[in-house]
Amino acid sequence: MPTGILFGTADRVIDIRIHGQSMRSKIEKLDFEHVEGAGHMPQFVEPKRVVVS
């Protein structure tokens, strides 16, 4: 199953190192992307990166 994580680098709710980057070793072929300067809900800042066509 294709899996992706879009993570805001300025998230103050959960830590990108613990809850984001660490997933790379747990989910095979994970598409991990970060949005520089975005907070906890980057899907509202970068909605086009979330929509799969």
Protein backbone atom coordinates (compact mmCIF):
# COMPACT_ATOMS: atom_id res chain seq x y z
CA MET A 1 0.00 0.00 0.00
CA PRO A 2 1.59 3.33 -0.99
CA THR A 3 2.11 5.49 2.09
CA GLY A 4 3.10 9.12 2.40
CA ILE A 5 3.69 11.56 5.21
CA LEU A 6 3.61 15.32 4.74
CA PHE A 7 5.15 17.00 7.78
CA GLY A 8 5.46 20.66 8.70
CA THR A 9 8.95 21.56 9.95
CA ALA A 10 7.52 24.12 12.39
CA ASP A 11 5.02 21.67 13.97
CA ARG A 12 4.78 22.47 17.67
CA VAL A 13 2.38 19.60 18.45
CA ILE A 14 4.49 16.60 17.40
CA ASP A 15 8.22 16.42 16.72
CA ILE A 16 9.36 15.78 13.14
CA ARG A 17 12.35 13.71 14.32
CA ILE A 18 10.28 11.41 16.54
CA HIS A 19 6.96 11.17 14.69
CA GLY A 20 8.05 11.92 11.13
CA GLN A 21 11.57 10.98 10.12
CA SER A 22 11.62 7.87 12.32
CA MET A 23 8.81 6.40 10.19
CA ARG A 24 11.23 5.98 7.28
CA SER A 25 12.73 2.92 8.95
CA LYS A 26 9.31 1.50 9.86
CA ILE A 27 7.37 1.83 6.58
CA GLU A 28 8.90 0.37 3.44
CA LYS A 29 9.05 2.79 0.48
CA LEU A 30 7.56 5.63 2.52
CA ASP A 31 7.11 8.90 0.63
CA PHE A 32 8.19 11.36 3.34
CA GLU A 33 8.03 15.05 2.50
CA HIS A 34 8.40 18.09 4.70
CA VAL A 35 6.95 21.57 4.24
CA GLU A 36 9.47 24.15 5.40
CA GLY A 37 7.98 26.54 7.94
CA ALA A 38 4.54 24.89 8.05
CA GLY A 39 2.96 23.93 11.35
CA HIS A 40 0.88 20.96 12.48
CA MET A 41 -1.49 20.88 9.49
CA PRO A 42 0.62 21.34 6.33
CA GLN A 43 -2.22 19.97 4.17
CA PHE A 44 -3.88 23.39 4.46
CA VAL A 45 -0.68 25.21 3.47
CA GLU A 46 0.21 22.85 0.59
CA PRO A 47 -3.07 21.14 -0.44
CA LYS A 48 -1.80 20.23 -3.91
CA ARG A 49 0.90 18.05 -2.34
CA VAL A 50 -1.78 16.06 -0.52
CA VAL A 51 -4.21 15.39 -3.36
CA VAL A 52 -3.45 12.22 -5.30
CA SER A 53 -4.64 12.21 -8.88
